[in-house]
Structure formats: structure tokens, C-alpha cells
N, C-alpha and C. Protein backbone atom coordinates (compact mmCIF):
# COMPACT_ATOMS: atom_id res chain seq x y z
N MET A 1 41.09 299.17 248.18
CA MET A 1 39.82 299.36 248.73
C MET A 1 39.12 300.53 248.00
N ALA A 2 39.77 301.58 247.62
CA ALA A 2 39.19 302.62 246.84
C ALA A 2 38.60 302.17 245.49
N THR A 3 39.37 301.19 244.94
CA THR A 3 38.93 300.59 243.61
C THR A 3 37.56 299.93 243.83
N THR A 4 37.44 299.21 244.85
CA THR A 4 36.21 298.43 245.13
C THR A 4 35.01 299.42 245.27
N LYS A 5 35.22 300.49 246.04
CA LYS A 5 34.12 301.48 246.21
C LYS A 5 33.83 302.18 244.91
N THR A 6 34.83 302.49 244.11
CA THR A 6 34.56 303.12 242.81
C THR A 6 33.83 302.19 241.91
N SER A 7 34.23 300.95 241.87
CA SER A 7 33.67 299.91 241.05
C SER A 7 32.20 299.76 241.49
N THR A 8 31.95 299.58 242.72
CA THR A 8 30.61 299.37 243.26
C THR A 8 29.82 300.63 242.88
N ALA A 9 30.27 301.82 243.10
CA ALA A 9 29.48 303.00 242.76
C ALA A 9 29.20 303.06 241.27
N ALA A 10 30.15 302.67 240.49
CA ALA A 10 29.93 302.67 238.97
C ALA A 10 28.85 301.68 238.58
N LYS A 11 28.85 300.49 239.26
CA LYS A 11 27.77 299.50 238.99
C LYS A 11 26.42 299.98 239.40
N LYS A 12 26.35 300.71 240.58
CA LYS A 12 25.08 301.21 241.01
C LYS A 12 24.54 302.32 240.08
N THR A 13 25.46 303.20 239.58
CA THR A 13 25.09 304.23 238.70
C THR A 13 24.61 303.64 237.34
N THR A 14 25.37 302.61 236.82
CA THR A 14 24.94 301.95 235.60
C THR A 14 23.55 301.30 235.77
N ALA A 15 23.41 300.64 236.90
CA ALA A 15 22.11 299.90 237.18
C ALA A 15 21.01 300.86 237.30
N SER A 16 21.19 302.04 238.00
CA SER A 16 20.12 303.01 238.17
C SER A 16 19.78 303.61 236.81
N SER A 17 20.78 303.99 235.97
CA SER A 17 20.53 304.60 234.67
C SER A 17 19.85 303.61 233.78
N SER A 18 20.16 302.28 233.90
CA SER A 18 19.52 301.32 233.09
C SER A 18 18.07 301.23 233.42
N LYS A 19 17.78 301.23 234.76
CA LYS A 19 16.38 301.14 235.22
C LYS A 19 15.58 302.38 234.69
N ALA A 20 16.27 303.61 234.85
CA ALA A 20 15.64 304.77 234.37
C ALA A 20 15.28 304.70 232.89
N ASN A 21 16.25 304.25 232.09
CA ASN A 21 16.04 304.19 230.66
C ASN A 21 14.96 303.15 230.34
N SER A 22 14.89 302.05 231.11
CA SER A 22 13.86 301.09 230.72
C SER A 22 12.49 301.51 231.14
N LYS A 23 12.36 302.52 232.02
CA LYS A 23 11.07 303.07 232.46
C LYS A 23 10.60 304.21 231.53
N THR A 24 11.53 304.69 230.73
CA THR A 24 11.22 305.75 229.81
C THR A 24 10.22 305.25 228.75
N PRO A 25 9.01 305.89 228.69
CA PRO A 25 8.09 305.39 227.68
C PRO A 25 8.54 305.61 226.30
N ALA A 26 8.33 304.68 225.42
CA ALA A 26 8.75 304.79 224.01
C ALA A 26 7.78 305.74 223.30
N LYS A 27 8.32 306.51 222.39
CA LYS A 27 7.44 307.38 221.56
C LYS A 27 6.41 306.53 220.80
N LYS A 28 5.35 307.15 220.42
CA LYS A 28 4.36 306.44 219.72
C LYS A 28 4.85 305.85 218.37
N ASP A 29 5.77 306.55 217.75
CA ASP A 29 6.29 306.05 216.43
C ASP A 29 7.70 305.52 216.60
N ALA A 30 8.01 305.00 217.73
CA ALA A 30 9.32 304.46 218.01
C ALA A 30 9.51 303.13 217.19
N ALA A 31 10.79 302.94 216.73
CA ALA A 31 11.09 301.77 216.00
C ALA A 31 10.91 300.48 216.84
N LYS A 32 10.19 299.54 216.16
CA LYS A 32 9.86 298.25 216.85
C LYS A 32 10.76 297.14 216.42
N ASP A 33 11.39 297.27 215.28
CA ASP A 33 12.34 296.25 214.78
C ASP A 33 13.35 296.90 213.82
N LEU A 34 14.27 296.12 213.29
CA LEU A 34 15.37 296.62 212.45
C LEU A 34 14.85 297.35 211.23
N ASN A 35 13.69 296.86 210.74
CA ASN A 35 13.08 297.46 209.45
C ASN A 35 12.73 298.97 209.81
N ASP A 36 12.09 299.11 211.00
CA ASP A 36 11.70 300.50 211.42
C ASP A 36 12.93 301.36 211.69
N LEU A 37 13.93 300.84 212.32
CA LEU A 37 15.14 301.55 212.57
C LEU A 37 15.89 301.92 211.27
N PHE A 38 15.85 301.02 210.29
CA PHE A 38 16.49 301.25 208.98
C PHE A 38 15.75 302.38 208.28
N GLU A 39 14.43 302.39 208.24
CA GLU A 39 13.64 303.37 207.65
C GLU A 39 13.84 304.77 208.30
N ASP A 40 13.84 304.77 209.64
CA ASP A 40 13.97 305.96 210.44
C ASP A 40 15.39 306.54 210.16
N SER A 41 16.41 305.73 210.02
CA SER A 41 17.76 306.18 209.79
C SER A 41 17.87 306.77 208.40
N LEU A 42 17.15 306.04 207.47
CA LEU A 42 17.15 306.66 206.04
C LEU A 42 16.56 308.06 206.05
N LYS A 43 15.52 308.23 206.81
CA LYS A 43 14.80 309.63 206.84
C LYS A 43 15.82 310.63 207.39
N ASP A 44 16.56 310.23 208.38
CA ASP A 44 17.57 311.08 209.07
C ASP A 44 18.68 311.50 208.06
N ILE A 45 19.23 310.57 207.40
CA ILE A 45 20.41 310.94 206.51
C ILE A 45 19.85 311.52 205.24
N TYR A 46 18.63 311.33 204.86
CA TYR A 46 17.98 312.01 203.75
C TYR A 46 17.87 313.46 204.01
N TRP A 47 17.44 313.86 205.23
CA TRP A 47 17.37 315.26 205.72
C TRP A 47 18.79 315.87 205.66
N ALA A 48 19.73 315.08 206.18
CA ALA A 48 21.07 315.54 206.32
C ALA A 48 21.66 315.87 204.90
N GLU A 49 21.50 314.95 203.91
CA GLU A 49 21.99 315.17 202.61
C GLU A 49 21.35 316.46 201.95
N LYS A 50 20.04 316.57 202.14
CA LYS A 50 19.37 317.73 201.52
C LYS A 50 19.84 318.99 202.19
N ALA A 51 20.09 318.96 203.55
CA ALA A 51 20.63 320.13 204.23
C ALA A 51 22.03 320.48 203.68
N LEU A 52 22.82 319.49 203.34
CA LEU A 52 24.17 319.70 202.78
C LEU A 52 24.12 320.39 201.49
N VAL A 53 23.11 320.00 200.65
CA VAL A 53 23.00 320.61 199.34
C VAL A 53 22.78 322.06 199.44
N LYS A 54 22.15 322.51 200.52
CA LYS A 54 21.99 323.98 200.79
C LYS A 54 23.24 324.64 201.38
N ALA A 55 23.95 323.82 202.21
CA ALA A 55 25.18 324.37 202.98
C ALA A 55 26.36 324.52 202.15
N LEU A 56 26.62 323.48 201.32
CA LEU A 56 27.89 323.41 200.60
C LEU A 56 28.12 324.70 199.72
N PRO A 57 27.23 325.29 199.04
CA PRO A 57 27.50 326.48 198.32
C PRO A 57 28.08 327.59 199.15
N LYS A 58 27.58 327.75 200.39
CA LYS A 58 28.08 328.80 201.23
C LYS A 58 29.56 328.46 201.59
N MET A 59 29.89 327.21 201.87
CA MET A 59 31.25 326.83 202.16
C MET A 59 32.12 327.16 200.96
N MET A 60 31.68 326.83 199.76
CA MET A 60 32.43 327.10 198.57
C MET A 60 32.67 328.57 198.40
N LYS A 61 31.63 329.29 198.58
CA LYS A 61 31.77 330.76 198.48
C LYS A 61 32.80 331.42 199.47
N ASN A 62 32.88 330.88 200.68
CA ASN A 62 33.82 331.36 201.62
C ASN A 62 35.20 330.75 201.64
N ALA A 63 35.44 329.72 200.84
CA ALA A 63 36.71 329.14 200.72
C ALA A 63 37.54 329.99 199.73
N THR A 64 38.88 330.08 200.00
CA THR A 64 39.66 330.96 199.05
C THR A 64 40.69 330.15 198.25
N ASN A 65 40.97 328.90 198.74
CA ASN A 65 41.85 327.98 198.00
C ASN A 65 41.08 327.38 196.82
N GLU A 66 41.63 327.50 195.67
CA GLU A 66 40.89 326.99 194.38
C GLU A 66 40.76 325.43 194.45
N LYS A 67 41.66 324.70 194.96
CA LYS A 67 41.51 323.24 195.01
C LYS A 67 40.42 322.90 196.03
N LEU A 68 40.35 323.69 197.09
CA LEU A 68 39.22 323.38 198.04
C LEU A 68 37.91 323.76 197.45
N LYS A 69 37.83 324.89 196.79
CA LYS A 69 36.54 325.22 196.14
C LYS A 69 36.15 324.14 195.17
N THR A 70 37.03 323.68 194.34
CA THR A 70 36.72 322.67 193.40
C THR A 70 36.22 321.36 194.12
N ALA A 71 36.98 321.03 195.20
CA ALA A 71 36.48 319.85 195.96
C ALA A 71 35.11 319.91 196.44
N ILE A 72 34.84 321.12 196.98
CA ILE A 72 33.45 321.37 197.52
C ILE A 72 32.44 321.36 196.39
N GLU A 73 32.77 321.89 195.25
CA GLU A 73 31.90 321.95 194.10
C GLU A 73 31.58 320.54 193.63
N ASN A 74 32.62 319.70 193.58
CA ASN A 74 32.49 318.32 193.14
C ASN A 74 31.65 317.53 194.15
N HIS A 75 31.84 317.84 195.46
CA HIS A 75 31.13 317.07 196.38
C HIS A 75 29.68 317.50 196.44
N LEU A 76 29.38 318.73 196.05
CA LEU A 76 28.03 319.20 196.02
C LEU A 76 27.29 318.33 194.88
N ALA A 77 27.91 318.23 193.78
CA ALA A 77 27.41 317.36 192.68
C ALA A 77 27.13 315.97 193.17
N GLU A 78 28.06 315.40 193.90
CA GLU A 78 27.93 314.09 194.43
C GLU A 78 26.76 313.98 195.49
N THR A 79 26.70 315.02 196.27
CA THR A 79 25.64 315.06 197.29
C THR A 79 24.26 315.01 196.71
N LYS A 80 24.08 315.74 195.56
CA LYS A 80 22.77 315.66 194.91
C LYS A 80 22.48 314.27 194.37
N ILE A 81 23.52 313.53 194.03
CA ILE A 81 23.32 312.18 193.58
C ILE A 81 23.05 311.27 194.84
N HIS A 82 23.66 311.64 195.95
CA HIS A 82 23.32 310.91 197.20
C HIS A 82 21.82 310.91 197.57
N VAL A 83 21.33 312.21 197.44
CA VAL A 83 19.87 312.44 197.60
C VAL A 83 19.00 311.51 196.72
N THR A 84 19.35 311.46 195.44
CA THR A 84 18.68 310.65 194.53
C THR A 84 18.81 309.12 194.92
N ARG A 85 19.99 308.68 195.28
CA ARG A 85 20.13 307.29 195.66
C ARG A 85 19.37 306.99 196.92
N LEU A 86 19.27 307.92 197.85
CA LEU A 86 18.45 307.66 199.01
C LEU A 86 16.92 307.54 198.58
N GLU A 87 16.49 308.31 197.69
CA GLU A 87 15.14 308.19 197.17
C GLU A 87 14.93 306.79 196.60
N GLU A 88 15.99 306.27 195.89
CA GLU A 88 15.86 304.99 195.32
C GLU A 88 15.88 303.93 196.42
N CYS A 89 16.54 304.19 197.54
CA CYS A 89 16.49 303.26 198.66
C CYS A 89 15.08 303.19 199.28
N PHE A 90 14.50 304.37 199.41
CA PHE A 90 13.11 304.36 199.91
C PHE A 90 12.20 303.59 198.95
N GLU A 91 12.37 303.79 197.72
CA GLU A 91 11.54 303.13 196.71
C GLU A 91 11.81 301.63 196.82
N ALA A 92 13.02 301.22 196.96
CA ALA A 92 13.37 299.81 197.11
C ALA A 92 12.70 299.07 198.29
N ILE A 93 12.52 299.82 199.37
CA ILE A 93 11.82 299.18 200.48
C ILE A 93 10.34 299.48 200.55
N GLY A 94 9.85 300.06 199.45
CA GLY A 94 8.42 300.27 199.41
C GLY A 94 7.80 301.41 200.18
N LYS A 95 8.71 302.45 200.45
CA LYS A 95 8.29 303.59 201.27
C LYS A 95 8.48 304.86 200.51
N LYS A 96 7.72 305.92 200.83
CA LYS A 96 7.82 307.19 200.28
C LYS A 96 9.06 307.88 200.89
N ALA A 97 9.83 308.50 200.04
CA ALA A 97 11.08 309.24 200.57
C ALA A 97 10.50 310.39 201.44
N GLN A 98 11.05 310.39 202.69
CA GLN A 98 10.58 311.39 203.67
C GLN A 98 11.88 311.75 204.50
N ALA A 99 11.96 313.03 204.75
CA ALA A 99 13.07 313.52 205.58
C ALA A 99 12.62 313.74 206.99
N LYS A 100 13.46 313.47 207.90
CA LYS A 100 13.24 313.75 209.38
C LYS A 100 14.49 314.50 209.85
N LYS A 101 14.24 315.66 210.45
CA LYS A 101 15.41 316.46 210.86
C LYS A 101 16.48 315.65 211.65
N CYS A 102 17.69 315.84 211.20
CA CYS A 102 18.83 315.15 211.74
C CYS A 102 19.57 316.18 212.65
N ASP A 103 19.33 315.99 213.93
CA ASP A 103 19.95 316.95 214.93
C ASP A 103 21.47 316.91 214.93
N ALA A 104 22.04 315.68 214.61
CA ALA A 104 23.49 315.69 214.53
C ALA A 104 24.01 316.52 213.39
N MET A 105 23.47 316.34 212.23
CA MET A 105 23.91 317.13 211.05
C MET A 105 23.65 318.61 211.32
N GLN A 106 22.53 318.99 211.85
CA GLN A 106 22.25 320.34 212.17
C GLN A 106 23.27 320.92 213.03
N GLY A 107 23.78 320.22 214.01
CA GLY A 107 24.86 320.68 214.93
C GLY A 107 26.11 320.89 214.13
N LEU A 108 26.42 319.93 213.33
CA LEU A 108 27.68 319.96 212.46
C LEU A 108 27.66 321.23 211.57
N LEU A 109 26.54 321.39 210.91
CA LEU A 109 26.36 322.54 210.05
C LEU A 109 26.45 323.87 210.77
N ASP A 110 25.79 323.97 211.96
CA ASP A 110 25.89 325.12 212.81
C ASP A 110 27.35 325.45 213.18
N GLU A 111 28.06 324.37 213.50
CA GLU A 111 29.47 324.55 213.83
C GLU A 111 30.28 325.06 212.68
N GLY A 112 30.02 324.49 211.45
CA GLY A 112 30.65 325.04 210.25
C GLY A 112 30.38 326.45 209.97
N GLU A 113 29.17 326.80 210.25
CA GLU A 113 28.72 328.26 210.03
C GLU A 113 29.46 329.17 211.08
N SER A 114 29.64 328.69 212.28
CA SER A 114 30.41 329.48 213.25
C SER A 114 31.82 329.62 212.82
N ILE A 115 32.42 328.56 212.32
CA ILE A 115 33.82 328.69 211.91
C ILE A 115 33.99 329.82 210.81
N ILE A 116 33.07 329.77 209.93
CA ILE A 116 33.11 330.83 208.84
C ILE A 116 33.01 332.21 209.39
N GLU A 117 32.08 332.37 210.36
CA GLU A 117 31.82 333.67 210.94
C GLU A 117 33.04 334.11 211.88
N GLU A 118 33.71 333.12 212.49
CA GLU A 118 34.74 333.42 213.46
C GLU A 118 36.16 333.43 212.87
N THR A 119 36.36 333.35 211.59
CA THR A 119 37.64 333.33 210.99
C THR A 119 37.66 334.43 209.85
N LYS A 120 38.88 334.94 209.68
CA LYS A 120 39.11 335.80 208.50
C LYS A 120 39.24 335.00 207.24
N PRO A 121 38.85 335.57 206.13
CA PRO A 121 39.06 334.93 204.84
C PRO A 121 40.57 334.59 204.61
N GLY A 122 40.77 333.49 204.08
CA GLY A 122 42.19 333.03 203.77
C GLY A 122 42.44 331.65 204.32
N SER A 123 43.70 331.32 204.53
CA SER A 123 44.05 329.93 204.78
C SER A 123 43.58 329.46 206.18
N VAL A 124 43.41 330.31 207.09
CA VAL A 124 42.85 329.90 208.40
C VAL A 124 41.40 329.46 208.22
N ARG A 125 40.74 330.28 207.54
CA ARG A 125 39.16 329.92 207.29
C ARG A 125 39.17 328.60 206.46
N ASP A 126 40.02 328.50 205.49
CA ASP A 126 40.03 327.32 204.71
C ASP A 126 40.28 326.07 205.49
N ALA A 127 41.32 326.12 206.44
CA ALA A 127 41.54 325.04 207.35
C ALA A 127 40.35 324.77 208.20
N GLY A 128 39.63 325.76 208.65
CA GLY A 128 38.47 325.59 209.46
C GLY A 128 37.35 324.93 208.60
N ILE A 129 37.25 325.32 207.34
CA ILE A 129 36.18 324.72 206.49
C ILE A 129 36.46 323.31 206.29
N ILE A 130 37.76 322.94 206.04
CA ILE A 130 38.14 321.57 205.94
C ILE A 130 37.81 320.75 207.13
N ALA A 131 38.17 321.31 208.37
CA ALA A 131 37.82 320.66 209.63
C ALA A 131 36.35 320.43 209.74
N ALA A 132 35.56 321.37 209.47
CA ALA A 132 34.14 321.23 209.53
C ALA A 132 33.60 320.20 208.59
N ALA A 133 34.07 320.22 207.39
CA ALA A 133 33.69 319.26 206.30
C ALA A 133 34.00 317.93 206.64
N GLN A 134 35.23 317.72 207.29
CA GLN A 134 35.59 316.36 207.66
C GLN A 134 34.75 315.80 208.81
N LYS A 135 34.36 316.67 209.65
CA LYS A 135 33.43 316.18 210.71
C LYS A 135 32.08 315.69 210.09
N VAL A 136 31.62 316.40 209.05
CA VAL A 136 30.40 315.99 208.31
C VAL A 136 30.74 314.66 207.64
N GLU A 137 31.84 314.58 206.92
CA GLU A 137 32.16 313.37 206.27
C GLU A 137 32.26 312.11 207.20
N HIS A 138 32.77 312.31 208.36
CA HIS A 138 32.93 311.24 209.30
C HIS A 138 31.58 310.82 209.83
N TYR A 139 30.66 311.75 210.01
CA TYR A 139 29.27 311.38 210.46
C TYR A 139 28.59 310.65 209.33
N GLU A 140 28.78 311.07 208.12
CA GLU A 140 28.19 310.33 206.95
C GLU A 140 28.75 308.96 206.79
N ILE A 141 30.05 308.91 206.99
CA ILE A 141 30.71 307.54 206.82
C ILE A 141 30.12 306.58 207.88
N ALA A 142 30.02 307.04 209.06
CA ALA A 142 29.40 306.15 210.14
C ALA A 142 27.97 305.86 209.84
N THR A 143 27.21 306.81 209.34
CA THR A 143 25.81 306.59 209.12
C THR A 143 25.64 305.58 207.93
N TYR A 144 26.36 305.83 206.82
CA TYR A 144 26.20 304.98 205.66
C TYR A 144 26.72 303.62 205.93
N GLY A 145 27.75 303.47 206.71
CA GLY A 145 28.30 302.11 207.11
C GLY A 145 27.19 301.35 207.93
N THR A 146 26.64 302.00 208.90
CA THR A 146 25.50 301.42 209.68
C THR A 146 24.31 301.04 208.77
N LEU A 147 23.93 301.94 207.93
CA LEU A 147 22.81 301.64 207.03
C LEU A 147 23.06 300.43 206.14
N ALA A 148 24.33 300.39 205.55
CA ALA A 148 24.69 299.29 204.75
C ALA A 148 24.67 297.93 205.49
N ALA A 149 25.06 297.98 206.79
CA ALA A 149 24.96 296.81 207.60
C ALA A 149 23.58 296.34 207.85
N PHE A 150 22.61 297.32 208.07
CA PHE A 150 21.28 297.09 208.26
C PHE A 150 20.67 296.50 207.01
N ALA A 151 20.95 297.12 205.83
CA ALA A 151 20.41 296.62 204.58
C ALA A 151 20.85 295.20 204.26
N LYS A 152 22.13 294.89 204.63
CA LYS A 152 22.62 293.50 204.43
C LYS A 152 21.78 292.48 205.24
N ILE A 153 21.63 292.84 206.43
CA ILE A 153 20.85 291.93 207.38
C ILE A 153 19.44 291.81 206.87
N LEU A 154 18.84 292.85 206.40
CA LEU A 154 17.48 292.87 205.93
C LEU A 154 17.28 292.36 204.52
N LYS A 155 18.41 292.00 203.94
CA LYS A 155 18.41 291.47 202.53
C LYS A 155 17.80 292.51 201.59
N GLU A 156 18.09 293.80 201.79
CA GLU A 156 17.64 294.81 200.90
C GLU A 156 18.80 295.12 199.93
N SER A 157 18.93 294.28 198.86
CA SER A 157 20.08 294.37 198.06
C SER A 157 20.21 295.62 197.21
N LYS A 158 19.15 296.07 196.73
CA LYS A 158 19.22 297.39 195.96
C LYS A 158 19.64 298.52 196.81
N ALA A 159 19.06 298.66 197.97
CA ALA A 159 19.43 299.71 198.90
C ALA A 159 20.88 299.53 199.30
N LEU A 160 21.35 298.28 199.59
CA LEU A 160 22.65 298.03 200.06
C LEU A 160 23.68 298.54 198.94
N LYS A 161 23.31 298.22 197.65
CA LYS A 161 24.25 298.64 196.50
C LYS A 161 24.39 300.14 196.54
N ASN A 162 23.27 300.87 196.65
CA ASN A 162 23.33 302.33 196.66
C ASN A 162 24.01 302.88 197.90
N LEU A 163 23.80 302.31 199.06
CA LEU A 163 24.43 302.79 200.21
C LEU A 163 25.99 302.59 200.21
N LEU A 164 26.41 301.42 199.67
CA LEU A 164 27.84 301.19 199.54
C LEU A 164 28.50 302.14 198.56
N LYS A 165 27.83 302.51 197.45
CA LYS A 165 28.40 303.46 196.55
C LYS A 165 28.62 304.80 197.18
N THR A 166 27.56 305.21 197.95
CA THR A 166 27.69 306.49 198.62
C THR A 166 28.76 306.47 199.68
N LEU A 167 28.83 305.38 200.47
CA LEU A 167 29.84 305.26 201.50
C LEU A 167 31.24 305.34 200.80
N GLU A 168 31.48 304.76 199.73
CA GLU A 168 32.74 304.85 199.02
C GLU A 168 33.08 306.32 198.71
N GLU A 169 32.05 307.02 198.13
CA GLU A 169 32.25 308.39 197.73
C GLU A 169 32.57 309.30 198.94
N GLU A 170 31.86 309.04 200.15
CA GLU A 170 32.14 309.79 201.30
C GLU A 170 33.56 309.59 201.83
N ARG A 171 34.00 308.36 201.79
CA ARG A 171 35.38 308.03 202.19
C ARG A 171 36.40 308.71 201.25
N ASN A 172 36.13 308.73 199.99
CA ASN A 172 37.00 309.35 198.98
C ASN A 172 37.15 310.88 199.26
N CYS A 173 35.88 311.44 199.56
CA CYS A 173 35.90 312.85 199.90
C CYS A 173 36.74 313.20 201.16
N ASP A 174 36.59 312.38 202.13
CA ASP A 174 37.36 312.54 203.42
C ASP A 174 38.88 312.50 203.13
N GLU A 175 39.25 311.56 202.25
CA GLU A 175 40.60 311.40 201.92
C GLU A 175 41.19 312.64 201.14
N LEU A 176 40.39 313.12 200.26
CA LEU A 176 40.74 314.31 199.46
C LEU A 176 40.90 315.49 200.44
N LEU A 177 40.00 315.67 201.31
CA LEU A 177 40.05 316.78 202.28
C LEU A 177 41.34 316.70 203.13
N THR A 178 41.65 315.47 203.60
CA THR A 178 42.89 315.24 204.33
C THR A 178 44.08 315.67 203.54
N SER A 179 44.04 315.21 202.32
CA SER A 179 45.18 315.53 201.43
C SER A 179 45.37 317.08 201.22
N LEU A 180 44.23 317.81 200.96
CA LEU A 180 44.27 319.20 200.82
C LEU A 180 44.84 319.91 202.03
N ALA A 181 44.34 319.46 203.21
CA ALA A 181 44.79 320.01 204.46
C ALA A 181 46.27 319.78 204.71
N ASP A 182 46.71 318.57 204.48
CA ASP A 182 48.10 318.12 204.77
C ASP A 182 49.06 318.84 203.76
N VAL A 183 48.66 318.88 202.53
CA VAL A 183 49.65 319.30 201.47
C VAL A 183 49.92 320.79 201.54
N ASN A 184 48.82 321.61 201.65
CA ASN A 184 49.16 323.07 201.62
C ASN A 184 48.32 323.95 202.57
N LEU A 185 47.15 323.63 202.95
CA LEU A 185 46.38 324.59 203.72
C LEU A 185 46.82 324.70 205.18
N ASN A 186 46.95 323.58 205.83
CA ASN A 186 47.30 323.68 207.33
C ASN A 186 48.64 324.41 207.62
N SER A 187 49.59 324.14 206.72
CA SER A 187 50.88 324.88 206.93
C SER A 187 50.80 326.34 206.67
N LYS A 188 49.95 326.69 205.72
CA LYS A 188 49.80 328.18 205.44
C LYS A 188 49.05 328.81 206.50
N ALA A 189 48.13 328.14 207.21
CA ALA A 189 47.29 328.67 208.26
C ALA A 189 48.08 328.91 209.54
N LYS A 190 49.19 328.26 209.62
CA LYS A 190 50.06 328.32 210.75
C LYS A 190 50.53 329.80 211.06
């Protein structure tokens, strides 16, 4: 009997939140179709990548492990290419490259900043930097995967090609960070 009450309560909560959400007025510039959502998502990740170009040098400066520093330096170079590829995506869809603040990336970067401030230099901070960087990579992997799916549906082949290249690089970076953490940094931080 308790299950029925809980189930009924859950259905009422879901129904009332659905009603509330459907009554929420859409913003004036809200996406009306997949093309709009694709463009809006490109703006979001464009801001995110540009913010990373500014944040990665600080991470590199605060890392103490040479392999980690090199990995961050290499990813900074890749991130600059990602910005250029996104500009090419905008061009391919006939839009001007435009950044829109990405609240998710801002939160991840703020968390990374906190980790640096709240740890002493050395292996513990390096482990924290890797953890923060992997959160960023996972966000980027999810975003580029979604954008690639949108581009495929929209038959935006040039954008799709660029997005898939970047997606592969983000996955490779995540794997490298995992390897660095597993091989030497996490055990030293213990």
C-alpha cells in the first residue's frame, strides 16, 4: 500500500511540474527548432573553449608533475584549434561566430580554481588538477557528442567533420589524464 501512495505522489509531482514547465513563457530568443538549438549550443561551447584557453595556463603553472604540465600545454594548443574549428562550424552554417556564456563551464572552471587554492603544491594539487580537468573533458565530450548528432540530423557535413575531430581529441585527452592519474599521481597523493 505504501508503494501505491508513493507512486501516486510521484505521478502528481511529475504532472504538476510538467504543467508548471509548460506554463513557463519561452524567452524571446528561445530555440524554435533543431537548427536554433544547434546554433545556440555552438555559441555555448565556443564560449567554453575560449574560457579554457585562458584557464589552462594557470592550471599548467600550478601543476608540479612534468608529464601533467606537458599534457596541459599540449591540450592548450589543441583547445586553440578547437576554437578555430568552431569558427569554421559557424561559417559552415552561415552564421557569425558568437560566444554565449556557458554556465556549466564557468562552474567547472570555478571548481578547478578552488581546488588550486585549497591544496598545497605537489602531488595532491596535481591529482586535484587532473580531477578538475577530467570534469571539463567529460562536459566537452558530452557537448561535442550531442553537437555531432545534431549536425548529422541537420546534414551539416562540414560542421560534423570538425565536431567529430574535436570529440576524438577530447576523448584522447581524457584517456591521457586517466593514465597520468593512475600511473603515478594518485598513489603519490595518498
